[in-house]
Amino acid sequence: MGLLSHTGFLGNTVRGKALESLVCATAASGFLLFGYDQGIMSGIITEDNFLTYFPQMEPHNKSGAIQALVVAIYEIGCLLGSFFIIGFGDRLGRRRAVLLGTVIMLIGTAIQASSFGMAQLIVGRIVTGVGNGMNTSSIPVWQSEMAPPKIRGFLVLFEGALIAGGIMLSYWLNYGFFFITQYGSFQWRFPIAFQAFFGAVLLVGILALPESPKWLLKKDKDEHAIEILCRLQKCEKDDPRIMEEVRELKRVTAITKGQKLTLKEFYGNGPEMNRWRVTIAYTSQLFQQIGGTNLVTYYATTVFEDSLGFSPSLARLLTACYGTLYLAAAILALFIVDRFGRRKMMIIGALGMGLSSMVIGVCLSQTTEEYKAPGYVATAFIFIFIAFFALGWLGITWLYPAEVTPLRIRAEANGLSTSFNWIGNYIVVQLAPIMIYSISWKTYFVFMCINLAFVPIIWYTFVETKGYPLEKLDEIFEEAYERGENPVWTERRIRKNAKALLNGGKHAEEGTASGTDIGDEEKLRRESRNENIFADSGHLHHHVHGEHSGRTSGDDTLIEQREKMEEEIDRTDRFPFEGN
């Protein structure tokens, strides 16, 4: 079996949960690499030996602009990589796109680690960024299309936690190598080169594992797709679950089969509501960055050393502790996101970040050489800031674009979303040192205003995706289009009506967003089609018709069915919902 075959070189030897675990581990190695590459320059750019090779990067040289340029140029490479995926990602496939991106990252790592001049370092950072931009645009899509709905959120957020894990590892490695001065440039070359380890793991994993079956079905490679679906679900080809999933995916792609994707379709406002969906997808990624997290992530050592006045060794130790808290909060997010949902977590995160930024700004404005107590409070709130970011924004915004966009445009939309992530990242990383030098503590009030502005935007425009099979979200947006209403309200009504049907046999809530009565049987059938995230569609249909046929409380069959549904809805309050 060839290395580039759609089934991977492991073939049919790994199935079921073992295959899911390997997919998770491989995707996680890609985000470990991403996080490590984000954090590694934080300590290196202030090391004496590094500055002997690159004196132009002295923090106070031209108000920090040169240092900011070299650090931020990586984001330009990432942006180019995400643009490449927009144009060619769907043609390549999820797996080959990651393979190519990883090879490019390894080349960029080698160029950076062997740098002796500014030009070589800049080229290396751009090349590494191109590969990372390709990977971060492709891995979440591959992961979300391979994962079953009941654990999809957990797995993709696990990737987000591994970003924090990579950042934490880079900080601790920087702290350790700060004391290794006797080997000259090895002090900073090895930490840069070490990221190749994660690249090698990702390379082997992506060659071993299969392509997304949803992409294969989209490309009419049905035989390979069915084989991979059987491996994922550990069943045979004639299993009804497989046949149903294939039929549903084929239905989703049939309308646009053979048609070239145009800009009008990609960003159109037809029944699929692609404009709304693409906009909230890339907005979520942009918001993740312009909230200011990378002010500290990329310049943590500089912030603790210059802004807060700690010694070089203590600044690096605080940076490493900051990274450790970052990882702990990201892990906590894994266990609560499918209880609270995507929207609520993002809102809580934005509020926490905004208020933390306000406290940091106030404290730094009162800190002097003689009066350092406010600076210690500011340090504590820098830690609180990153905890809120990890809970509400780190992983969710890598999951959300892949969930909210339809299969037809998913690869392109995810590439566009990631490109906005890199645009926002570049803006913050480029401007942060200049802002700190120019307006000092007022910088944090800027980020306070930005984060607080996120809250009403998320509340009004971001549709909750918690627990829905990816293809079922299409029906929510189609219904919102038909009703002429905000899809946020459509989703909330469908979720609430489904719970009402299961818990009390209510056919509609009072005061729906459209102001219409959806209690008649025809509309109920339509609701039950949308609401089968909560129960098997046949059971829900039977339950609805039981209400219409005048059943009594003595109907033992329906009572048993009701109890079963109540158990199901109780379970779905704690875990993602089952789907096709």
Protein backbone atom coordinates (compact mmCIF):
# COMPACT_ATOMS: atom_id res chain seq x y z
CA MET A 1 0.00 0.00 0.00
CA GLY A 2 1.54 3.31 -1.10
CA LEU A 3 2.50 6.03 1.33
CA LEU A 4 0.19 8.51 -0.41
CA SER A 5 -2.82 6.19 -0.72
CA HIS A 6 -6.07 7.53 0.69
CA THR A 7 -6.19 4.82 3.35
CA GLY A 8 -2.70 5.44 4.80
CA PHE A 9 0.05 2.87 5.19
CA LEU A 10 -1.59 1.34 8.28
CA GLY A 11 -4.42 0.16 6.06
CA ASN A 12 -7.17 -1.78 7.80
CA THR A 13 -5.03 -2.78 10.79
CA VAL A 14 -6.36 -0.01 13.06
CA ARG A 15 -10.10 0.50 13.57
CA GLY A 16 -12.65 2.10 15.86
CA LYS A 17 -11.46 3.94 18.95
CA ALA A 18 -7.83 3.06 18.26
CA LEU A 19 -8.07 4.83 14.90
CA GLU A 20 -9.83 7.82 16.50
CA SER A 21 -7.05 8.03 19.08
CA LEU A 22 -4.33 8.00 16.42
CA VAL A 23 -6.12 10.72 14.45
CA CYS A 24 -6.31 12.77 17.64
CA ALA A 25 -2.62 12.22 18.46
CA THR A 26 -1.50 13.14 14.96
CA ALA A 27 -3.62 16.28 14.82
CA ALA A 28 -2.40 17.20 18.30
CA SER A 29 1.24 16.95 17.24
CA GLY A 30 0.50 19.54 14.56
CA PHE A 31 -0.87 21.96 17.11
CA LEU A 32 1.96 21.22 19.55
CA LEU A 33 4.26 22.29 16.73
CA PHE A 34 2.16 25.41 16.14
CA GLY A 35 2.21 26.38 19.82
CA TYR A 36 5.91 25.67 20.23
CA ASP A 37 6.74 27.84 17.23
CA GLN A 38 4.59 30.67 18.62
CA GLY A 39 6.30 30.69 22.00
CA ILE A 40 9.93 29.92 21.26
CA MET A 41 10.98 33.41 20.18
CA SER A 42 9.70 34.97 23.42
CA GLY A 43 12.83 34.11 25.39
CA ILE A 44 15.30 33.94 22.52
CA ILE A 45 14.92 37.56 21.39
CA THR A 46 16.28 38.84 24.72
CA GLU A 47 19.26 36.44 25.03
CA ASP A 48 22.69 38.08 24.84
CA ASN A 49 24.20 35.53 22.44
CA PHE A 50 21.27 35.83 20.05
CA LEU A 51 21.64 39.62 20.04
CA THR A 52 25.35 39.32 19.14
CA TYR A 53 24.25 37.65 15.89
CA PHE A 54 21.25 39.92 15.37
CA PRO A 55 21.99 43.27 17.08
CA GLN A 56 19.25 44.93 15.04
CA MET A 57 16.71 43.07 17.22
CA GLU A 58 17.72 44.87 20.41
CA PRO A 59 14.29 45.75 21.94
CA HIS A 60 14.95 49.50 22.07
CA ASN A 61 16.39 49.71 18.57
CA LYS A 62 14.09 52.05 16.61
CA SER A 63 11.39 51.79 19.30
CA GLY A 64 11.15 48.00 18.92
CA ALA A 65 10.00 48.16 15.29
CA ILE A 66 12.75 45.89 13.89
CA GLN A 67 12.25 43.27 16.58
CA ALA A 68 8.51 43.40 15.92
CA LEU A 69 9.04 43.01 12.17
CA VAL A 70 11.23 39.90 12.48
CA VAL A 71 8.88 38.26 15.00
CA ALA A 72 5.71 39.21 13.11
CA ILE A 73 6.97 38.26 9.63
CA TYR A 74 6.19 34.66 10.59
CA GLU A 75 2.51 35.65 10.52
CA ILE A 76 2.86 36.82 6.91
CA GLY A 77 4.11 33.35 5.99
CA CYS A 78 1.17 31.81 7.83
CA LEU A 79 -1.19 34.10 5.92
CA LEU A 80 0.31 33.00 2.59
CA GLY A 81 -0.09 29.36 3.61
CA SER A 82 -3.75 29.83 4.47
CA PHE A 83 -4.32 31.60 1.13
CA PHE A 84 -2.77 28.60 -0.61
CA ILE A 85 -5.31 26.32 1.09
CA ILE A 86 -8.16 28.59 0.00
CA GLY A 87 -7.08 28.13 -3.61
CA PHE A 88 -5.81 24.55 -3.66
CA GLY A 89 -6.80 22.87 -0.39
CA ASP A 90 -9.92 21.14 -1.68
CA ARG A 91 -8.06 19.96 -4.76
CA LEU A 92 -5.23 18.48 -2.69
CA GLY A 93 -7.39 16.92 0.00
CA ARG A 94 -7.08 17.36 3.75
CA ARG A 95 -4.31 14.81 4.21
CA ARG A 96 -1.98 15.82 1.39
CA ALA A 97 -2.35 19.49 2.34
CA VAL A 98 -1.09 18.68 5.86
CA LEU A 99 1.72 16.55 4.43
CA LEU A 100 2.93 19.37 2.19
CA GLY A 101 2.61 21.95 4.97
CA THR A 102 4.68 19.82 7.35
CA VAL A 103 7.51 19.35 4.85
CA ILE A 104 7.61 23.12 4.29
CA MET A 105 7.71 23.73 8.06
CA LEU A 106 10.67 21.37 8.45
CA ILE A 107 12.55 23.23 5.71
CA GLY A 108 11.82 26.56 7.41
CA THR A 109 13.00 25.21 10.76
CA ALA A 110 16.33 24.17 9.25
CA ILE A 111 16.81 27.63 7.72
CA GLN A 112 16.06 29.38 11.03
CA ALA A 113 18.23 27.15 13.20
CA SER A 114 21.24 27.63 10.91
CA SER A 115 20.85 31.41 10.56
CA PHE A 116 23.89 33.68 10.75
CA GLY A 117 22.29 36.81 9.33
CA MET A 118 19.06 38.74 9.51
CA ALA A 119 17.99 37.93 5.93
CA GLN A 120 18.33 34.18 6.49
CA LEU A 121 16.39 34.35 9.75
CA ILE A 122 13.57 36.30 8.09
CA VAL A 123 13.38 33.85 5.17
CA GLY A 124 13.31 30.92 7.59
CA ARG A 125 10.47 32.44 9.58
CA ILE A 126 8.44 33.14 6.44
CA VAL A 127 8.92 29.58 5.11
CA THR A 128 8.01 28.07 8.49
CA GLY A 129 4.95 30.29 8.58
CA VAL A 130 3.78 29.14 5.13
CA GLY A 131 3.83 25.53 6.29
CA ASN A 132 2.09 26.34 9.54
CA GLY A 133 -0.60 28.37 7.77
CA MET A 134 -1.33 25.38 5.54
CA ASN A 135 -1.49 23.01 8.51
CA THR A 136 -3.69 25.17 10.70
CA SER A 137 -6.11 25.61 7.80
CA SER A 138 -6.27 21.87 7.07
CA ILE A 139 -5.87 19.93 10.32
CA PRO A 140 -9.10 21.19 11.99
CA VAL A 141 -11.11 20.26 8.89
CA TRP A 142 -9.51 16.80 8.66
CA GLN A 143 -10.07 16.27 12.37
CA SER A 144 -13.69 17.47 12.45
CA GLU A 145 -14.60 15.34 9.41
CA MET A 146 -13.03 12.22 10.95
CA ALA A 147 -14.47 12.64 14.45
CA PRO A 148 -17.96 11.43 15.47
CA PRO A 149 -20.27 14.22 16.68
CA LYS A 150 -20.27 12.96 20.27
CA ILE A 151 -16.55 13.69 20.71
CA ARG A 152 -15.87 16.16 17.88
CA GLY A 153 -15.78 19.20 20.14
CA PHE A 154 -13.56 17.49 22.69
CA LEU A 155 -11.02 16.34 20.09
CA VAL A 156 -10.66 19.63 18.25
CA LEU A 157 -10.43 21.55 21.53
CA PHE A 158 -7.77 19.08 22.59
CA GLU A 159 -5.77 20.44 19.67
CA GLY A 160 -6.26 23.92 21.11
CA ALA A 161 -4.99 22.72 24.47
CA LEU A 162 -1.92 21.37 22.71
CA ILE A 163 -1.22 24.86 21.32
CA ALA A 164 -0.91 25.94 24.94
CA GLY A 165 1.13 22.82 25.64
CA GLY A 166 3.57 23.70 22.87
CA ILE A 167 3.85 27.27 24.14
CA MET A 168 4.45 26.04 27.70
CA LEU A 169 7.16 23.63 26.54
CA SER A 170 8.93 26.37 24.59
CA TYR A 171 8.87 28.66 27.65
CA TRP A 172 10.35 26.02 29.97
CA LEU A 173 12.98 25.11 27.37
CA ASN A 174 13.89 28.78 27.07
CA TYR A 175 14.16 29.01 30.85
CA GLY A 176 16.47 25.99 31.02
CA PHE A 177 18.68 27.07 28.13
CA PHE A 178 19.00 30.58 29.59
CA PHE A 179 21.55 29.12 32.01
CA ILE A 180 23.50 27.25 29.30
CA THR A 181 25.85 29.98 28.15
CA GLN A 182 29.06 27.98 27.71
CA TYR A 183 28.03 26.55 24.33
CA GLY A 184 27.51 29.87 22.55
CA SER A 185 24.78 29.93 19.92
CA PHE A 186 23.64 26.41 20.86
CA GLN A 187 21.71 28.26 23.59
CA TRP A 188 19.18 29.46 21.02
CA ARG A 189 19.79 27.25 17.97
CA PHE A 190 18.72 24.03 19.70
CA PRO A 191 15.35 25.40 20.95
CA ILE A 192 14.56 26.55 17.40
CA ALA A 193 15.64 23.22 15.88
CA PHE A 194 13.72 21.15 18.44
CA GLN A 195 10.40 21.90 16.72
CA ALA A 196 11.49 19.49 13.98
CA PHE A 197 10.69 16.66 16.40
CA PHE A 198 6.98 17.53 16.35
CA GLY A 199 7.12 17.93 12.58
CA ALA A 200 8.53 14.42 12.22
CA VAL A 201 5.75 12.96 14.40
CA LEU A 202 3.12 14.76 12.33
CA LEU A 203 4.73 13.59 9.09
CA VAL A 204 4.66 9.92 10.11
CA GLY A 205 1.14 10.17 11.50
CA ILE A 206 -0.38 11.78 8.44
CA LEU A 207 1.23 9.16 6.18
CA ALA A 208 -0.11 6.36 8.38
CA LEU A 209 -3.71 7.54 8.66
CA PRO A 210 -6.56 7.84 6.13
CA GLU A 211 -8.04 10.76 4.25
CA SER A 212 -11.30 12.35 5.36
CA PRO A 213 -14.15 10.11 4.12
CA LYS A 214 -16.33 13.19 3.60
CA TRP A 215 -13.77 14.68 1.22
CA LEU A 216 -13.50 11.32 -0.60
CA LEU A 217 -17.27 11.13 -1.05
CA LYS A 218 -17.25 14.68 -2.33
CA LYS A 219 -14.67 13.59 -4.93
CA ASP A 220 -16.68 10.44 -5.87
CA LYS A 221 -14.15 8.09 -4.30
CA ASP A 222 -16.97 6.16 -2.65
CA GLU A 223 -15.18 2.84 -2.21
CA HIS A 224 -12.31 4.39 -0.22
CA ALA A 225 -14.73 6.55 1.75
CA ILE A 226 -16.93 3.61 2.78
CA GLU A 227 -13.85 1.59 3.77
CA ILE A 228 -12.63 4.43 6.01
CA LEU A 229 -16.09 4.99 7.52
CA CYS A 230 -16.21 1.29 8.38
CA ARG A 231 -12.80 1.56 10.01
CA LEU A 232 -13.89 4.58 12.05
CA GLN A 233 -17.12 2.95 13.21
CA LYS A 234 -15.65 -0.57 13.40
CA CYS A 235 -18.39 -2.16 11.34
CA GLU A 236 -19.01 -3.84 7.99
CA LYS A 237 -19.81 -2.17 4.68
CA ASP A 238 -23.46 -3.21 4.72
CA ASP A 239 -24.08 -1.72 8.16
CA PRO A 240 -27.20 0.55 8.08
CA ARG A 241 -25.31 3.34 9.86
CA ILE A 242 -22.75 3.48 7.08
CA MET A 243 -25.38 3.44 4.35
CA GLU A 244 -27.33 6.24 6.06
CA GLU A 245 -24.25 8.39 6.53
CA VAL A 246 -23.20 7.93 2.90
CA ARG A 247 -26.72 8.79 1.68
CA GLU A 248 -26.80 11.95 3.80
CA LEU A 249 -23.38 13.11 2.63
CA LYS A 250 -24.29 12.40 -0.97
CA ARG A 251 -27.51 14.38 -0.56
CA VAL A 252 -25.56 17.35 0.78
CA THR A 253 -23.13 17.36 -2.16
CA ALA A 254 -25.54 16.34 -4.95
CA ILE A 255 -26.93 19.83 -5.59
CA THR A 256 -23.52 21.35 -6.36
CA LYS A 257 -21.91 18.27 -7.88
CA GLY A 258 -19.71 19.12 -10.84
CA GLN A 259 -20.13 22.86 -10.39
CA LYS A 260 -17.10 25.06 -9.94
CA LEU A 261 -17.20 27.07 -6.74
CA THR A 262 -17.62 30.75 -7.55
CA LEU A 263 -17.15 33.80 -5.37
CA LYS A 264 -20.87 34.52 -5.70
CA GLU A 265 -21.73 31.10 -4.30
CA PHE A 266 -18.97 31.16 -1.68
CA TYR A 267 -20.07 34.50 -0.27
CA GLY A 268 -23.65 34.51 -1.47
CA ASN A 269 -26.77 35.05 0.60
CA GLY A 270 -28.98 32.28 -0.76
CA PRO A 271 -30.76 29.53 1.18
CA GLU A 272 -27.46 28.18 2.52
CA MET A 273 -26.71 31.63 4.01
CA ASN A 274 -23.03 31.23 3.13
CA ARG A 275 -22.30 34.92 3.65
CA TRP A 276 -23.47 34.80 7.25
CA ARG A 277 -21.70 31.51 7.92
CA VAL A 278 -18.39 32.48 6.34
CA THR A 279 -18.45 35.87 8.06
CA ILE A 280 -18.93 34.48 11.57
CA ALA A 281 -16.30 31.82 10.82
CA TYR A 282 -13.54 34.27 9.94
CA THR A 283 -14.72 36.81 12.53
CA SER A 284 -14.25 34.24 15.30
CA GLN A 285 -10.64 33.70 14.22
CA LEU A 286 -9.99 37.43 13.90
CA PHE A 287 -11.44 38.10 17.35
CA GLN A 288 -9.21 35.42 18.84
CA GLN A 289 -6.16 37.42 17.83
CA ILE A 290 -7.08 41.08 18.17
CA GLY A 291 -8.10 40.51 21.79
CA GLY A 292 -4.41 40.90 22.61
CA THR A 293 -3.26 37.48 23.76
CA ASN A 294 -0.13 37.53 21.63
CA LEU A 295 1.03 40.75 23.22
CA VAL A 296 2.19 38.45 26.02
CA THR A 297 2.55 35.10 24.20
CA TYR A 298 5.19 36.44 21.80
CA TYR A 299 6.76 38.99 24.15
CA ALA A 300 6.17 37.44 27.60
CA THR A 301 9.80 37.68 28.70
CA THR A 302 10.03 41.27 27.48
CA VAL A 303 6.79 42.23 29.27
CA PHE A 304 7.89 40.71 32.59
CA GLU A 305 11.42 42.09 32.27
CA ASP A 306 10.86 45.59 30.86
CA SER A 307 7.28 46.55 31.75
CA LEU A 308 7.19 44.92 35.19
CA GLY A 309 10.86 45.20 36.16
CA PHE A 310 11.70 41.58 36.98
CA SER A 311 15.22 40.16 36.58
CA PRO A 312 16.02 38.19 33.37
CA SER A 313 15.94 34.80 35.12
CA LEU A 314 12.77 35.59 37.12
CA ALA A 315 11.10 36.98 34.00
CA ARG A 316 11.72 33.67 32.23
CA LEU A 317 10.48 31.68 35.21
CA LEU A 318 7.29 33.75 35.34
CA THR A 319 6.89 33.23 31.61
CA ALA A 320 7.16 29.46 32.06
CA CYS A 321 4.60 29.54 34.89
CA TYR A 322 2.33 31.66 32.68
CA GLY A 323 2.57 28.96 30.00
CA THR A 324 1.76 26.26 32.54
CA LEU A 325 -1.42 28.05 33.66
CA TYR A 326 -2.28 28.55 29.99
CA LEU A 327 -2.19 24.77 29.45
CA ALA A 328 -4.16 24.03 32.64
CA ALA A 329 -6.98 26.40 31.62
CA ALA A 330 -7.01 24.97 28.09
CA ILE A 331 -7.41 21.45 29.50
CA LEU A 332 -10.29 22.64 31.71
CA ALA A 333 -12.01 24.00 28.59
CA LEU A 334 -12.11 20.46 27.17
CA PHE A 335 -14.50 19.34 29.86
CA ILE A 336 -16.91 22.27 29.88
CA VAL A 337 -17.26 23.41 26.25
CA ASP A 338 -19.91 20.83 25.38
CA ARG A 339 -21.88 21.72 28.48
CA PHE A 340 -21.84 25.49 28.07
CA GLY A 341 -21.60 25.67 24.27
CA ARG A 342 -19.41 27.71 21.92
CA ARG A 343 -21.21 31.07 22.19
CA LYS A 344 -21.34 31.24 25.96
CA MET A 345 -17.69 30.25 26.33
CA MET A 346 -16.57 32.96 23.89
CA ILE A 347 -18.67 35.59 25.68
CA ILE A 348 -17.31 34.61 29.11
CA GLY A 349 -13.77 34.64 27.72
CA ALA A 350 -14.16 38.09 26.17
CA LEU A 351 -15.62 39.57 29.36
CA GLY A 352 -12.83 38.11 31.48
CA MET A 353 -10.12 39.31 29.11
CA GLY A 354 -11.61 42.80 28.87
CA LEU A 355 -11.88 43.26 32.63
CA SER A 356 -8.40 41.80 33.20
CA SER A 357 -6.95 44.24 30.66
CA MET A 358 -8.59 47.11 32.52
CA VAL A 359 -7.03 46.04 35.85
CA ILE A 360 -3.60 45.57 34.25
CA GLY A 361 -3.73 49.05 32.73
CA VAL A 362 -4.82 50.70 35.98
CA CYS A 363 -2.14 48.91 38.01
CA LEU A 364 0.68 49.67 35.58
CA SER A 365 -0.32 53.34 35.55
CA GLN A 366 0.34 53.43 39.31
CA THR A 367 3.57 51.39 39.33
CA THR A 368 6.86 53.21 39.95
CA GLU A 369 10.40 52.23 40.95
CA GLU A 370 9.55 53.06 44.55
CA TYR A 371 6.02 51.63 44.57
CA LYS A 372 5.94 48.20 42.89
CA ALA A 373 2.90 46.66 44.58
CA PRO A 374 0.50 47.55 41.72
CA GLY A 375 2.92 45.83 39.33
CA TYR A 376 2.53 42.59 41.26
CA VAL A 377 -1.26 42.86 40.95
CA ALA A 378 -0.84 43.50 37.21
CA THR A 379 1.28 40.35 36.99
CA ALA A 380 -1.50 38.33 38.63
CA PHE A 381 -4.07 39.68 36.17
CA ILE A 382 -1.84 38.83 33.22
CA PHE A 383 -2.20 35.24 34.42
CA ILE A 384 -5.97 35.68 34.84
CA PHE A 385 -6.17 37.17 31.33
CA ILE A 386 -4.57 34.11 29.73
CA ALA A 387 -6.79 31.76 31.74
CA PHE A 388 -9.93 33.42 30.32
CA PHE A 389 -8.43 33.33 26.83
CA ALA A 390 -7.66 29.62 27.10
CA LEU A 391 -11.16 28.86 28.37
CA GLY A 392 -13.11 30.88 25.83
CA TRP A 393 -11.00 31.41 22.75
CA LEU A 394 -7.95 29.19 22.34
CA GLY A 395 -9.51 25.99 21.01
CA ILE A 396 -13.08 26.99 20.24
CA THR A 397 -12.18 29.27 17.35
CA TRP A 398 -10.32 26.42 15.62
CA LEU A 399 -13.40 24.24 16.01
CA TYR A 400 -16.11 26.77 15.18
CA PRO A 401 -15.30 27.61 11.51
CA ALA A 402 -15.15 23.93 10.56
CA GLU A 403 -18.51 23.35 12.29
CA VAL A 404 -20.48 26.33 11.06
CA THR A 405 -19.59 26.19 7.33
CA PRO A 406 -21.16 23.71 4.85
CA LEU A 407 -19.21 20.84 3.30
CA ARG A 408 -19.31 22.42 -0.17
CA ILE A 409 -17.16 25.39 0.93
CA ARG A 410 -15.62 24.07 4.16
CA ALA A 411 -11.99 23.88 3.04
CA GLU A 412 -12.06 27.32 1.42
CA ALA A 413 -13.95 28.89 4.33
CA ASN A 414 -11.56 27.38 6.85
CA GLY A 415 -8.61 28.69 4.86
CA LEU A 416 -10.15 32.16 4.78
CA SER A 417 -10.89 32.00 8.51
CA THR A 418 -7.33 31.02 9.28
CA SER A 419 -6.04 33.84 7.09
CA PHE A 420 -7.97 36.30 9.26
CA ASN A 421 -6.39 34.68 12.30
CA TRP A 422 -2.96 35.44 10.87
CA ILE A 423 -3.92 38.97 9.83
CA GLY A 424 -5.05 39.71 13.38
CA ASN A 425 -2.00 37.94 14.78
CA TYR A 426 0.33 40.00 12.59
CA ILE A 427 -1.34 43.28 13.57
CA VAL A 428 -0.96 42.58 17.30
CA VAL A 429 2.57 41.15 17.12
CA GLN A 430 3.76 44.00 14.88
CA LEU A 431 2.15 46.81 16.86
CA ALA A 432 2.48 45.52 20.43
CA PRO A 433 6.14 46.50 21.04
CA ILE A 434 5.58 49.87 19.40
CA MET A 435 2.45 50.51 21.48
CA ILE A 436 4.18 49.49 24.72
CA TYR A 437 7.08 51.83 23.89
CA SER A 438 4.81 54.70 22.80
CA ILE A 439 1.74 54.64 25.07
CA SER A 440 2.88 52.21 27.79
CA TRP A 441 0.05 51.11 30.11
CA LYS A 442 -2.63 52.71 27.92
CA THR A 443 -2.08 49.76 25.54
CA TYR A 444 -4.12 47.57 27.88
CA PHE A 445 -7.10 49.93 27.76
CA VAL A 446 -7.14 49.53 23.98
CA PHE A 447 -7.47 45.77 24.39
CA MET A 448 -10.08 46.23 27.13
CA CYS A 449 -12.33 48.11 24.69
CA ILE A 450 -11.76 45.58 21.92
CA ASN A 451 -12.65 42.58 24.08
CA LEU A 452 -15.77 44.14 25.56
CA ALA A 453 -16.95 45.03 22.04
CA PHE A 454 -16.91 41.33 21.13
CA VAL A 455 -19.75 40.47 23.51
CA PRO A 456 -22.78 41.99 21.71
CA ILE A 457 -21.46 40.88 18.31
CA ILE A 458 -21.18 37.25 19.44
CA TRP A 459 -24.57 37.36 21.13
CA TYR A 460 -26.38 38.61 18.05
CA THR A 461 -24.59 36.82 15.19
CA PHE A 462 -22.78 33.64 16.31
CA VAL A 463 -24.98 30.54 15.92
CA GLU A 464 -24.53 27.81 18.54
CA THR A 465 -23.15 24.61 16.99
CA LYS A 466 -22.87 22.44 20.10
CA GLY A 467 -23.78 18.84 19.41
CA TYR A 468 -25.07 19.08 15.85
CA PRO A 469 -23.80 16.68 13.18
CA LEU A 470 -22.07 18.94 10.67
CA GLU A 471 -24.63 18.37 7.90
CA LYS A 472 -27.63 19.18 10.16
CA LEU A 473 -26.53 22.79 10.57
CA ASP A 474 -27.41 23.32 6.90
CA GLU A 475 -31.08 22.77 7.75
CA ILE A 476 -30.99 25.40 10.49
CA PHE A 477 -29.68 28.06 8.12
CA GLU A 478 -32.10 27.02 5.37
CA GLU A 479 -35.00 27.42 7.77
CA ALA A 480 -33.73 30.81 8.94
CA TYR A 481 -33.54 31.92 5.30
CA GLU A 482 -37.09 30.72 4.59
CA ARG A 483 -38.43 32.49 7.67
CA GLY A 484 -36.37 35.63 7.05
CA GLU A 485 -35.02 35.59 10.59
CA ASN A 486 -31.71 35.71 12.42
CA PRO A 487 -30.31 32.13 12.39
CA VAL A 488 -29.27 32.60 16.02
CA TRP A 489 -32.96 32.72 16.98
CA THR A 490 -33.77 29.82 14.64
CA GLU A 491 -31.22 27.59 16.33
CA ARG A 492 -32.37 28.58 19.81
CA ARG A 493 -36.00 27.87 18.93
CA ILE A 494 -35.20 24.49 17.41
CA ARG A 495 -33.15 23.44 20.41
CA LYS A 496 -35.80 24.65 22.86
CA ASN A 497 -38.67 23.09 20.91
CA ALA A 498 -36.87 19.76 20.74
CA LYS A 499 -36.44 19.76 24.51
CA ALA A 500 -40.09 20.73 24.92
CA LEU A 501 -41.20 17.89 22.65
CA LEU A 502 -39.11 15.38 24.52
CA ASN A 503 -39.87 16.61 28.03
CA GLY A 504 -43.49 17.68 27.82
CA GLY A 505 -44.92 17.09 24.36
CA LYS A 506 -45.09 20.81 23.66
CA HIS A 507 -45.20 21.55 19.98
CA ALA A 508 -43.91 25.10 20.08
CA GLU A 509 -42.62 27.67 22.48
CA GLU A 510 -44.51 30.91 23.02
CA GLY A 511 -43.35 33.90 21.06
CA THR A 512 -41.06 32.39 18.43
CA ALA A 513 -38.71 34.72 16.63
CA SER A 514 -41.00 34.77 13.61
CA GLY A 515 -44.16 35.21 15.68
CA THR A 516 -45.89 32.27 13.98
CA ASP A 517 -47.60 29.20 15.41
CA ILE A 518 -45.62 26.11 14.52
CA GLY A 519 -48.02 23.72 16.21
CA ASP A 520 -49.65 22.20 13.15
CA GLU A 521 -48.59 18.71 12.15
CA GLU A 522 -46.82 19.67 8.95
CA LYS A 523 -44.57 22.14 10.74
CA LEU A 524 -43.99 19.63 13.51
CA ARG A 525 -42.72 17.14 10.98
CA ARG A 526 -40.33 19.79 9.79
CA GLU A 527 -39.23 20.57 13.34
CA SER A 528 -38.70 16.89 14.04
CA ARG A 529 -36.47 16.66 10.98
CA ASN A 530 -34.30 19.45 12.36
CA GLU A 531 -34.45 18.28 15.93
CA ASN A 532 -33.29 14.70 15.46
CA ILE A 533 -30.07 15.72 17.17
CA PHE A 534 -31.93 14.97 20.39
CA ALA A 535 -33.41 11.60 19.53
CA ASP A 536 -33.74 9.10 16.77
CA SER A 537 -35.92 10.75 14.13
CA GLY A 538 -38.30 7.80 14.03
CA HIS A 539 -38.84 7.94 17.79
CA LEU A 540 -39.44 11.66 17.72
CA HIS A 541 -41.89 11.30 14.84
CA HIS A 542 -43.77 8.62 16.76
CA HIS A 543 -43.81 10.80 19.86
CA VAL A 544 -45.22 13.76 17.95
CA HIS A 545 -47.96 11.69 16.37
CA GLY A 546 -48.74 10.19 19.75
CA GLU A 547 -49.62 13.68 20.97
CA HIS A 548 -51.89 14.27 17.97
CA SER A 549 -53.69 10.97 18.28
CA GLY A 550 -55.00 11.82 21.75
CA ARG A 551 -52.98 9.35 23.79
CA THR A 552 -53.70 9.01 27.47
CA SER A 553 -51.42 8.79 30.47
CA GLY A 554 -52.15 5.09 30.59
CA ASP A 555 -50.40 4.39 27.32
CA ASP A 556 -47.51 2.32 28.69
CA THR A 557 -45.63 2.18 25.41
CA LEU A 558 -45.44 5.92 25.03
CA ILE A 559 -44.62 6.41 28.70
CA GLU A 560 -41.66 4.06 28.35
CA GLN A 561 -40.62 5.91 25.20
CA ARG A 562 -40.93 9.25 27.02
CA GLU A 563 -38.73 8.01 29.87
CA LYS A 564 -36.13 6.85 27.38
CA MET A 565 -36.16 10.27 25.71
CA GLU A 566 -35.84 12.03 29.06
CA GLU A 567 -32.76 9.95 29.81
CA GLU A 568 -31.38 10.93 26.40
CA ILE A 569 -31.96 14.66 26.89
CA ASP A 570 -30.35 14.45 30.33
CA ARG A 571 -27.32 12.85 28.72
CA THR A 572 -27.14 15.44 25.97
CA ASP A 573 -26.97 18.20 28.56
CA ARG A 574 -23.63 16.75 29.63
CA PHE A 575 -22.13 15.46 26.38
CA PRO A 576 -22.27 16.32 22.66
CA PHE A 577 -25.30 14.97 20.85
CA GLU A 578 -25.30 11.85 18.74
CA GLY A 579 -25.63 12.31 15.02
CA ASN A 580 -25.39 10.52 11.75
